[in-house]
Amino acid sequence: MSEKFGRLLTETKEKSEEAASMVTSFIKKLLLIISRPARLLECLELIRKSFIIFRSSRRPGKGGARYQS
């Protein structure tokens, strides 16, 4: 996606410097909007993997510690 934005910006600069500044501002805002959910998804994926590893280490009979009451 970044490559496409780069090409868009290059083509826009060739046509109009004024338009290029507007497109640059738009691209920065759009990338910021897109990056936040992407980072959130990465964090959730890491949390899920950590939980699965933790849960599997706690299961009796699966090589993990047995839960004692």
C-alpha atoms as a PDB file:
ATOM      1  CA  MET A   1       0.000   0.000   0.000  1.00  0.00           C
ATOM      2  CA  SER A   2       2.866   2.363   0.789  1.00  0.00           C
ATOM      3  CA  GLU A   3       4.274   1.805  -2.703  1.00  0.00           C
ATOM      4  CA  LYS A   4       0.949   2.769  -4.259  1.00  0.00           C
ATOM      5  CA  PHE A   5       0.780   5.897  -2.128  1.00  0.00           C
ATOM      6  CA  GLY A   6       4.343   6.722  -3.205  1.00  0.00           C
ATOM      7  CA  ARG A   7       3.414   6.359  -6.877  1.00  0.00           C
ATOM      8  CA  LEU A   8       0.304   8.464  -6.349  1.00  0.00           C
ATOM      9  CA  LEU A   9       2.379  11.183  -4.730  1.00  0.00           C
ATOM     10  CA  THR A  10       4.997  11.095  -7.503  1.00  0.00           C
ATOM     11  CA  GLU A  11       2.358  11.377 -10.220  1.00  0.00           C
ATOM     12  CA  THR A  12       0.638  14.192  -8.345  1.00  0.00           C
ATOM     13  CA  LYS A  13       3.918  16.132  -7.959  1.00  0.00           C
ATOM     14  CA  GLU A  14       4.495  15.880 -11.702  1.00  0.00           C
ATOM     15  CA  LYS A  15       1.101  17.452 -12.339  1.00  0.00           C
ATOM     16  CA  SER A  16       0.821  20.017  -9.546  1.00  0.00           C
ATOM     17  CA  GLU A  17       2.945  20.940  -6.538  1.00  0.00           C
ATOM     18  CA  GLU A  18      -0.071  22.475  -4.809  1.00  0.00           C
ATOM     19  CA  ALA A  19      -2.068  19.289  -5.186  1.00  0.00           C
ATOM     20  CA  ALA A  20       0.941  17.272  -4.014  1.00  0.00           C
ATOM     21  CA  SER A  21       0.943  19.041  -0.650  1.00  0.00           C
ATOM     22  CA  MET A  22      -2.751  18.257  -0.194  1.00  0.00           C
ATOM     23  CA  VAL A  23      -2.241  14.627  -1.215  1.00  0.00           C
ATOM     24  CA  THR A  24       0.738  14.322   1.161  1.00  0.00           C
ATOM     25  CA  SER A  25      -1.389  15.550   4.046  1.00  0.00           C
ATOM     26  CA  PHE A  26      -4.181  13.176   3.095  1.00  0.00           C
ATOM     27  CA  ILE A  27      -1.826  10.186   2.816  1.00  0.00           C
ATOM     28  CA  LYS A  28      -0.291  10.885   6.247  1.00  0.00           C
ATOM     29  CA  LYS A  29      -3.726  11.064   7.859  1.00  0.00           C
ATOM     30  CA  LEU A  30      -4.890   7.914   6.096  1.00  0.00           C
ATOM     31  CA  LEU A  31      -1.790   5.934   7.119  1.00  0.00           C
ATOM     32  CA  LEU A  32      -2.250   7.068  10.715  1.00  0.00           C
ATOM     33  CA  ILE A  33      -5.873   5.893  10.684  1.00  0.00           C
ATOM     34  CA  ILE A  34      -4.901   2.536   9.199  1.00  0.00           C
ATOM     35  CA  SER A  35      -1.903   1.952  11.477  1.00  0.00           C
ATOM     36  CA  ARG A  36      -3.821   2.166  14.759  1.00  0.00           C
ATOM     37  CA  PRO A  37      -6.150  -0.788  14.131  1.00  0.00           C
ATOM     38  CA  ALA A  38      -3.233  -2.737  12.638  1.00  0.00           C
ATOM     39  CA  ARG A  39      -1.198  -2.292  15.834  1.00  0.00           C
ATOM     40  CA  LEU A  40      -4.219  -3.253  17.925  1.00  0.00           C
ATOM     41  CA  LEU A  41      -4.661  -6.444  15.909  1.00  0.00           C
ATOM     42  CA  GLU A  42      -0.981  -7.291  16.375  1.00  0.00           C
ATOM     43  CA  CYS A  43      -1.323  -6.864  20.143  1.00  0.00           C
ATOM     44  CA  LEU A  44      -4.436  -9.021  20.260  1.00  0.00           C
ATOM     45  CA  GLU A  45      -2.699 -11.730  18.266  1.00  0.00           C
ATOM     46  CA  LEU A  46       0.249 -11.718  20.688  1.00  0.00           C
ATOM     47  CA  ILE A  47      -2.094 -11.856  23.673  1.00  0.00           C
ATOM     48  CA  ARG A  48      -3.970 -14.785  22.125  1.00  0.00           C
ATOM     49  CA  LYS A  49      -0.752 -16.721  21.480  1.00  0.00           C
ATOM     50  CA  SER A  50       0.474 -16.054  25.021  1.00  0.00           C
ATOM     51  CA  PHE A  51      -2.852 -17.201  26.454  1.00  0.00           C
ATOM     52  CA  ILE A  52      -2.796 -20.411  24.419  1.00  0.00           C
ATOM     53  CA  ILE A  53       0.739 -21.183  25.602  1.00  0.00           C
ATOM     54  CA  PHE A  54      -0.207 -20.404  29.213  1.00  0.00           C
ATOM     55  CA  ARG A  55      -3.373 -22.491  29.030  1.00  0.00           C
ATOM     56  CA  SER A  56      -1.609 -25.476  27.470  1.00  0.00           C
ATOM     57  CA  SER A  57       1.047 -25.403  30.191  1.00  0.00           C
ATOM     58  CA  ARG A  58      -1.682 -25.631  32.859  1.00  0.00           C
ATOM     59  CA  ARG A  59      -3.579 -28.617  31.428  1.00  0.00           C
ATOM     60  CA  PRO A  60      -3.236 -31.831  33.392  1.00  0.00           C
ATOM     61  CA  GLY A  61      -1.830 -34.718  31.399  1.00  0.00           C
ATOM     62  CA  LYS A  62      -0.321 -32.462  28.764  1.00  0.00           C
ATOM     63  CA  GLY A  63       3.038 -32.125  30.441  1.00  0.00           C
ATOM     64  CA  GLY A  64       1.979 -29.099  32.455  1.00  0.00           C
ATOM     65  CA  ALA A  65       1.587 -28.662  36.183  1.00  0.00           C
ATOM     66  CA  ARG A  66      -1.520 -30.220  37.692  1.00  0.00           C
ATOM     67  CA  TYR A  67      -3.962 -27.888  39.342  1.00  0.00           C
ATOM     68  CA  GLN A  68      -4.267 -28.736  43.034  1.00  0.00           C
ATOM     69  CA  SER A  69      -7.007 -27.588  45.370  1.00  0.00           C
END
